[in-house]
């Protein structure tokens, strides 16, 4: 399957939406967005894009739990 940048962007936005809901009360929407952006940037040059949203969600949760955002 060919890489679809639009679908990846939509999937990343879904990650933001899920994490904002999950971390309500402990993290602001801005903190969640920053964590997702940080995690997403780590994969900017990855040639295989299929699992980027899953990896970004995992890394973002770790950042938010660790308080590094």
PDB file of N, CA and C in Angstrom:
ATOM      1  N   UNK A   1       0.840  -1.182   0.000  1.00  0.00           N
ATOM      2  CA  UNK A   1       0.000   0.000   0.000  1.00  0.00           C
ATOM      3  C   UNK A   1       0.884   1.245   0.000  1.00  0.00           C
ATOM      4  N   UNK A   2       0.555   2.201  -0.800  1.00  0.00           N
ATOM      5  CA  UNK A   2       1.328   3.431  -0.909  1.00  0.00           C
ATOM      6  C   UNK A   2       1.070   4.336   0.298  1.00  0.00           C
ATOM      7  N   UNK A   3       2.069   5.086   0.642  1.00  0.00           N
ATOM      8  CA  UNK A   3       1.995   6.040   1.741  1.00  0.00           C
ATOM      9  C   UNK A   3       1.027   7.153   1.395  1.00  0.00           C
ATOM     10  N   UNK A   4       0.126   7.460   2.328  1.00  0.00           N
ATOM     11  CA  UNK A   4      -0.853   8.527   2.146  1.00  0.00           C
ATOM     12  C   UNK A   4      -0.671   9.529   3.280  1.00  0.00           C
ATOM     13  N   UNK A   5      -0.050  10.650   2.964  1.00  0.00           N
ATOM     14  CA  UNK A   5       0.258  11.673   3.969  1.00  0.00           C
ATOM     15  C   UNK A   5      -1.004  12.186   4.657  1.00  0.00           C
ATOM     16  N   UNK A   6      -2.071  12.351   3.907  1.00  0.00           N
ATOM     17  CA  UNK A   6      -3.326  12.840   4.478  1.00  0.00           C
ATOM     18  C   UNK A   6      -3.858  11.880   5.533  1.00  0.00           C
ATOM     19  N   UNK A   7      -3.830  10.596   5.235  1.00  0.00           N
ATOM     20  CA  UNK A   7      -4.301   9.604   6.202  1.00  0.00           C
ATOM     21  C   UNK A   7      -3.426   9.575   7.446  1.00  0.00           C
ATOM     22  N   UNK A   8      -2.133   9.748   7.253  1.00  0.00           N
ATOM     23  CA  UNK A   8      -1.238   9.786   8.409  1.00  0.00           C
ATOM     24  C   UNK A   8      -1.544  11.002   9.282  1.00  0.00           C
ATOM     25  N   UNK A   9      -1.735  12.155   8.674  1.00  0.00           N
ATOM     26  CA  UNK A   9      -2.078  13.361   9.444  1.00  0.00           C
ATOM     27  C   UNK A   9      -3.379  13.169  10.216  1.00  0.00           C
ATOM     28  N   UNK A  10      -4.371  12.556   9.576  1.00  0.00           N
ATOM     29  CA  UNK A  10      -5.646  12.292  10.245  1.00  0.00           C
ATOM     30  C   UNK A  10      -5.457  11.329  11.423  1.00  0.00           C
ATOM     31  N   UNK A  11      -4.644  10.318  11.229  1.00  0.00           N
ATOM     32  CA  UNK A  11      -4.385   9.354  12.306  1.00  0.00           C
ATOM     33  C   UNK A  11      -3.669  10.029  13.474  1.00  0.00           C
ATOM     34  N   UNK A  12      -2.745  10.930  13.185  1.00  0.00           N
ATOM     35  CA  UNK A  12      -2.037  11.655  14.243  1.00  0.00           C
ATOM     36  C   UNK A  12      -3.007  12.578  14.977  1.00  0.00           C
ATOM     37  N   UNK A  13      -3.922  13.205  14.256  1.00  0.00           N
ATOM     38  CA  UNK A  13      -4.925  14.045  14.915  1.00  0.00           C
ATOM     39  C   UNK A  13      -5.824  13.194  15.813  1.00  0.00           C
ATOM     40  N   UNK A  14      -6.134  11.985  15.386  1.00  0.00           N
ATOM     41  CA  UNK A  14      -6.907  11.060  16.224  1.00  0.00           C
ATOM     42  C   UNK A  14      -6.144  10.718  17.500  1.00  0.00           C
ATOM     43  N   UNK A  15      -4.838  10.567  17.389  1.00  0.00           N
ATOM     44  CA  UNK A  15      -4.003  10.316  18.567  1.00  0.00           C
ATOM     45  C   UNK A  15      -4.126  11.484  19.540  1.00  0.00           C
ATOM     46  N   UNK A  16      -4.025  12.699  19.032  1.00  0.00           N
ATOM     47  CA  UNK A  16      -4.154  13.886  19.878  1.00  0.00           C
ATOM     48  C   UNK A  16      -5.504  13.873  20.587  1.00  0.00           C
ATOM     49  N   UNK A  17      -6.564  13.619  19.848  1.00  0.00           N
ATOM     50  CA  UNK A  17      -7.915  13.614  20.420  1.00  0.00           C
ATOM     51  C   UNK A  17      -8.035  12.576  21.533  1.00  0.00           C
ATOM     52  N   UNK A  18      -7.547  11.370  21.285  1.00  0.00           N
ATOM     53  CA  UNK A  18      -7.612  10.313  22.305  1.00  0.00           C
ATOM     54  C   UNK A  18      -6.814  10.673  23.547  1.00  0.00           C
ATOM     55  N   UNK A  19      -5.613  11.219  23.345  1.00  0.00           N
ATOM     56  CA  UNK A  19      -4.763  11.526  24.486  1.00  0.00           C
ATOM     57  C   UNK A  19      -5.257  12.733  25.273  1.00  0.00           C
ATOM     58  N   UNK A  20      -5.830  13.700  24.604  1.00  0.00           N
ATOM     59  CA  UNK A  20      -6.425  14.835  25.320  1.00  0.00           C
ATOM     60  C   UNK A  20      -7.515  14.310  26.249  1.00  0.00           C
ATOM     61  N   UNK A  21      -8.369  13.413  25.750  1.00  0.00           N
ATOM     62  CA  UNK A  21      -9.427  12.836  26.578  1.00  0.00           C
ATOM     63  C   UNK A  21      -8.839  12.009  27.720  1.00  0.00           C
ATOM     64  N   UNK A  22      -7.821  11.233  27.423  1.00  0.00           N
ATOM     65  CA  UNK A  22      -7.227  10.353  28.433  1.00  0.00           C
ATOM     66  C   UNK A  22      -6.534  11.129  29.548  1.00  0.00           C
ATOM     67  N   UNK A  23      -5.887  12.235  29.208  1.00  0.00           N
ATOM     68  CA  UNK A  23      -5.114  12.985  30.187  1.00  0.00           C
ATOM     69  C   UNK A  23      -5.836  14.228  30.704  1.00  0.00           C
ATOM     70  N   UNK A  24      -7.136  14.323  30.463  1.00  0.00           N
ATOM     71  CA  UNK A  24      -7.922  15.441  30.987  1.00  0.00           C
ATOM     72  C   UNK A  24      -7.762  15.501  32.498  1.00  0.00           C
ATOM     73  N   UNK A  25      -7.482  16.672  33.003  1.00  0.00           N
ATOM     74  CA  UNK A  25      -7.314  16.845  34.435  1.00  0.00           C
ATOM     75  C   UNK A  25      -5.875  16.763  34.894  1.00  0.00           C
ATOM     76  N   UNK A  26      -5.013  16.163  34.088  1.00  0.00           N
ATOM     77  CA  UNK A  26      -3.604  16.076  34.468  1.00  0.00           C
ATOM     78  C   UNK A  26      -2.692  16.796  33.485  1.00  0.00           C
ATOM     79  N   UNK A  27      -3.113  16.878  32.236  1.00  0.00           N
ATOM     80  CA  UNK A  27      -2.324  17.560  31.203  1.00  0.00           C
ATOM     81  C   UNK A  27      -3.249  18.429  30.356  1.00  0.00           C
ATOM     82  N   UNK A  28      -2.744  19.569  29.950  1.00  0.00           N
ATOM     83  CA  UNK A  28      -3.529  20.446  29.083  1.00  0.00           C
ATOM     84  C   UNK A  28      -3.482  19.930  27.644  1.00  0.00           C
ATOM     85  N   UNK A  29      -4.402  20.409  26.842  1.00  0.00           N
ATOM     86  CA  UNK A  29      -4.413  20.042  25.423  1.00  0.00           C
ATOM     87  C   UNK A  29      -3.102  20.469  24.763  1.00  0.00           C
ATOM     88  N   UNK A  30      -2.563  21.600  25.173  1.00  0.00           N
ATOM     89  CA  UNK A  30      -1.304  22.084  24.610  1.00  0.00           C
ATOM     90  C   UNK A  30      -0.151  21.153  24.953  1.00  0.00           C
ATOM     91  N   UNK A  31      -0.150  20.626  26.176  1.00  0.00           N
ATOM     92  CA  UNK A  31       0.901  19.682  26.567  1.00  0.00           C
ATOM     93  C   UNK A  31       0.797  18.389  25.759  1.00  0.00           C
ATOM     94  N   UNK A  32      -0.423  17.934  25.558  1.00  0.00           N
ATOM     95  CA  UNK A  32      -0.631  16.725  24.760  1.00  0.00           C
ATOM     96  C   UNK A  32      -0.156  16.957  23.328  1.00  0.00           C
ATOM     97  N   UNK A  33      -0.547  18.068  22.749  1.00  0.00           N
ATOM     98  CA  UNK A  33      -0.133  18.375  21.378  1.00  0.00           C
ATOM     99  C   UNK A  33       1.382  18.463  21.277  1.00  0.00           C
ATOM    100  N   UNK A  34       2.024  19.046  22.270  1.00  0.00           N
ATOM    101  CA  UNK A  34       3.494  19.150  22.270  1.00  0.00           C
ATOM    102  C   UNK A  34       4.129  17.766  22.349  1.00  0.00           C
ATOM    103  N   UNK A  35       3.583  16.892  23.176  1.00  0.00           N
ATOM    104  CA  UNK A  35       4.109  15.531  23.296  1.00  0.00           C
ATOM    105  C   UNK A  35       3.964  14.790  21.976  1.00  0.00           C
ATOM    106  N   UNK A  36       2.818  14.922  21.347  1.00  0.00           N
ATOM    107  CA  UNK A  36       2.582  14.242  20.067  1.00  0.00           C
ATOM    108  C   UNK A  36       3.525  14.798  19.002  1.00  0.00           C
ATOM    109  N   UNK A  37       3.697  16.095  18.981  1.00  0.00           N
ATOM    110  CA  UNK A  37       4.613  16.714  18.013  1.00  0.00           C
ATOM    111  C   UNK A  37       6.044  16.220  18.226  1.00  0.00           C
ATOM    112  N   UNK A  38       6.470  16.166  19.477  1.00  0.00           N
ATOM    113  CA  UNK A  38       7.813  15.682  19.797  1.00  0.00           C
ATOM    114  C   UNK A  38       7.992  14.233  19.344  1.00  0.00           C
ATOM    115  N   UNK A  39       7.018  13.404  19.677  1.00  0.00           N
ATOM    116  CA  UNK A  39       7.093  11.990  19.292  1.00  0.00           C
ATOM    117  C   UNK A  39       7.058  11.840  17.773  1.00  0.00           C
ATOM    118  N   UNK A  40       6.192  12.585  17.121  1.00  0.00           N
ATOM    119  CA  UNK A  40       6.061  12.496  15.664  1.00  0.00           C
ATOM    120  C   UNK A  40       7.354  12.925  14.965  1.00  0.00           C
ATOM    121  N   UNK A  41       7.979  13.962  15.485  1.00  0.00           N
ATOM    122  CA  UNK A  41       9.221  14.452  14.887  1.00  0.00           C
ATOM    123  C   UNK A  41      10.324  13.398  14.906  1.00  0.00           C
ATOM    124  N   UNK A  42      10.299  12.512  15.887  1.00  0.00           N
ATOM    125  CA  UNK A  42      11.309  11.453  15.975  1.00  0.00           C
ATOM    126  C   UNK A  42      11.250  10.509  14.771  1.00  0.00           C
ATOM    127  N   UNK A  43      10.100  10.445  14.126  1.00  0.00           N
ATOM    128  CA  UNK A  43       9.908   9.523  13.014  1.00  0.00           C
ATOM    129  C   UNK A  43       9.884  10.231  11.661  1.00  0.00           C
ATOM    130  N   UNK A  44      10.303  11.471  11.629  1.00  0.00           N
ATOM    131  CA  UNK A  44      10.222  12.282  10.409  1.00  0.00           C
ATOM    132  C   UNK A  44      10.930  11.645   9.215  1.00  0.00           C
ATOM    133  N   UNK A  45      12.022  10.974   9.461  1.00  0.00           N
ATOM    134  CA  UNK A  45      12.791  10.410   8.347  1.00  0.00           C
ATOM    135  C   UNK A  45      12.600   8.903   8.187  1.00  0.00           C
ATOM    136  N   UNK A  46      11.674   8.342   8.923  1.00  0.00           N
ATOM    137  CA  UNK A  46      11.432   6.895   8.825  1.00  0.00           C
ATOM    138  C   UNK A  46      10.862   6.551   7.461  1.00  0.00           C
ATOM    139  N   UNK A  47      11.492   5.632   6.756  1.00  0.00           N
ATOM    140  CA  UNK A  47      10.995   5.284   5.433  1.00  0.00           C
ATOM    141  C   UNK A  47       9.709   4.444   5.468  1.00  0.00           C
ATOM    142  N   UNK A  48       9.546   3.653   6.500  1.00  0.00           N
ATOM    143  CA  UNK A  48       8.331   2.836   6.629  1.00  0.00           C
ATOM    144  C   UNK A  48       7.362   3.612   7.511  1.00  0.00           C
ATOM    145  N   UNK A  49       6.191   3.939   6.968  1.00  0.00           N
ATOM    146  CA  UNK A  49       5.252   4.837   7.647  1.00  0.00           C
ATOM    147  C   UNK A  49       4.044   4.124   8.253  1.00  0.00           C
ATOM    148  N   UNK A  50       3.895   2.835   8.014  1.00  0.00           N
ATOM    149  CA  UNK A  50       2.680   2.116   8.383  1.00  0.00           C
ATOM    150  C   UNK A  50       2.321   2.196   9.860  1.00  0.00           C
ATOM    151  N   UNK A  51       3.292   2.163  10.737  1.00  0.00           N
ATOM    152  CA  UNK A  51       3.020   2.098  12.169  1.00  0.00           C
ATOM    153  C   UNK A  51       3.320   3.391  12.910  1.00  0.00           C
ATOM    154  N   UNK A  52       3.575   4.455  12.192  1.00  0.00           N
ATOM    155  CA  UNK A  52       3.929   5.730  12.813  1.00  0.00           C
ATOM    156  C   UNK A  52       2.871   6.192  13.821  1.00  0.00           C
ATOM    157  N   UNK A  53       1.591   6.202  13.499  1.00  0.00           N
ATOM    158  CA  UNK A  53       0.610   6.651  14.494  1.00  0.00           C
ATOM    159  C   UNK A  53       0.625   5.830  15.789  1.00  0.00           C
ATOM    160  N   UNK A  54       0.783   4.533  15.679  1.00  0.00           N
ATOM    161  CA  UNK A  54       0.834   3.678  16.874  1.00  0.00           C
ATOM    162  C   UNK A  54       2.074   4.010  17.699  1.00  0.00           C
ATOM    163  N   UNK A  55       3.196   4.151  17.039  1.00  0.00           N
ATOM    164  CA  UNK A  55       4.441   4.472  17.736  1.00  0.00           C
ATOM    165  C   UNK A  55       4.388   5.857  18.367  1.00  0.00           C
ATOM    166  N   UNK A  56       3.802   6.805  17.657  1.00  0.00           N
ATOM    167  CA  UNK A  56       3.664   8.165  18.184  1.00  0.00           C
ATOM    168  C   UNK A  56       2.773   8.159  19.423  1.00  0.00           C
ATOM    169  N   UNK A  57       1.680   7.417  19.378  1.00  0.00           N
ATOM    170  CA  UNK A  57       0.794   7.361  20.545  1.00  0.00           C
ATOM    171  C   UNK A  57       1.525   6.762  21.747  1.00  0.00           C
ATOM    172  N   UNK A  58       2.247   5.689  21.523  1.00  0.00           N
ATOM    173  CA  UNK A  58       2.999   5.051  22.608  1.00  0.00           C
ATOM    174  C   UNK A  58       4.027   6.014  23.206  1.00  0.00           C
ATOM    175  N   UNK A  59       4.824   6.630  22.354  1.00  0.00           N
ATOM    176  CA  UNK A  59       5.862   7.546  22.832  1.00  0.00           C
ATOM    177  C   UNK A  59       5.264   8.771  23.516  1.00  0.00           C
ATOM    178  N   UNK A  60       4.152   9.260  22.997  1.00  0.00           N
ATOM    179  CA  UNK A  60       3.494  10.421  23.591  1.00  0.00           C
ATOM    180  C   UNK A  60       2.999  10.110  24.996  1.00  0.00           C
ATOM    181  N   UNK A  61       2.421   8.939  25.179  1.00  0.00           N
ATOM    182  CA  UNK A  61       1.963   8.533  26.520  1.00  0.00           C
ATOM    183  C   UNK A  61       3.142   8.510  27.489  1.00  0.00           C
ATOM    184  N   UNK A  62       4.257   7.975  27.042  1.00  0.00           N
ATOM    185  CA  UNK A  62       5.444   7.908  27.895  1.00  0.00           C
ATOM    186  C   UNK A  62       5.913   9.313  28.271  1.00  0.00           C
ATOM    187  N   UNK A  63       5.927  10.223  27.315  1.00  0.00           N
ATOM    188  CA  UNK A  63       6.322  11.591  27.591  1.00  0.00           C
ATOM    189  C   UNK A  63       5.370  12.248  28.588  1.00  0.00           C
ATOM    190  N   UNK A  64       4.090  12.037  28.395  1.00  0.00           N
ATOM    191  CA  UNK A  64       3.091  12.660  29.267  1.00  0.00           C
ATOM    192  C   UNK A  64       3.107  12.059  30.671  1.00  0.00           C
ATOM    193  N   UNK A  65       3.321  10.784  30.774  1.00  0.00           N
ATOM    194  CA  UNK A  65       3.403  10.138  32.092  1.00  0.00           C
ATOM    195  C   UNK A  65       4.666  10.541  32.830  1.00  0.00           C
ATOM    196  N   UNK A  66       5.729  10.746  32.078  1.00  0.00           N
ATOM    197  CA  UNK A  66       7.008  11.094  32.691  1.00  0.00           C
ATOM    198  C   UNK A  66       7.149  12.564  33.006  1.00  0.00           C
ATOM    199  N   UNK A  67       6.196  13.350  32.554  1.00  0.00           N
ATOM    200  CA  UNK A  67       6.232  14.773  32.844  1.00  0.00           C
ATOM    201  C   UNK A  67       7.300  15.542  32.102  1.00  0.00           C
ATOM    202  N   UNK A  68       7.756  15.002  30.988  1.00  0.00           N
ATOM    203  CA  UNK A  68       8.831  15.674  30.250  1.00  0.00           C
ATOM    204  C   UNK A  68       8.313  16.640  29.206  1.00  0.00           C
ATOM    205  N   UNK A  69       7.029  16.894  29.230  1.00  0.00           N
ATOM    206  CA  UNK A  69       6.459  17.850  28.269  1.00  0.00           C
ATOM    207  C   UNK A  69       5.900  19.026  29.025  1.00  0.00           C
TER     208      UNK A  69
END
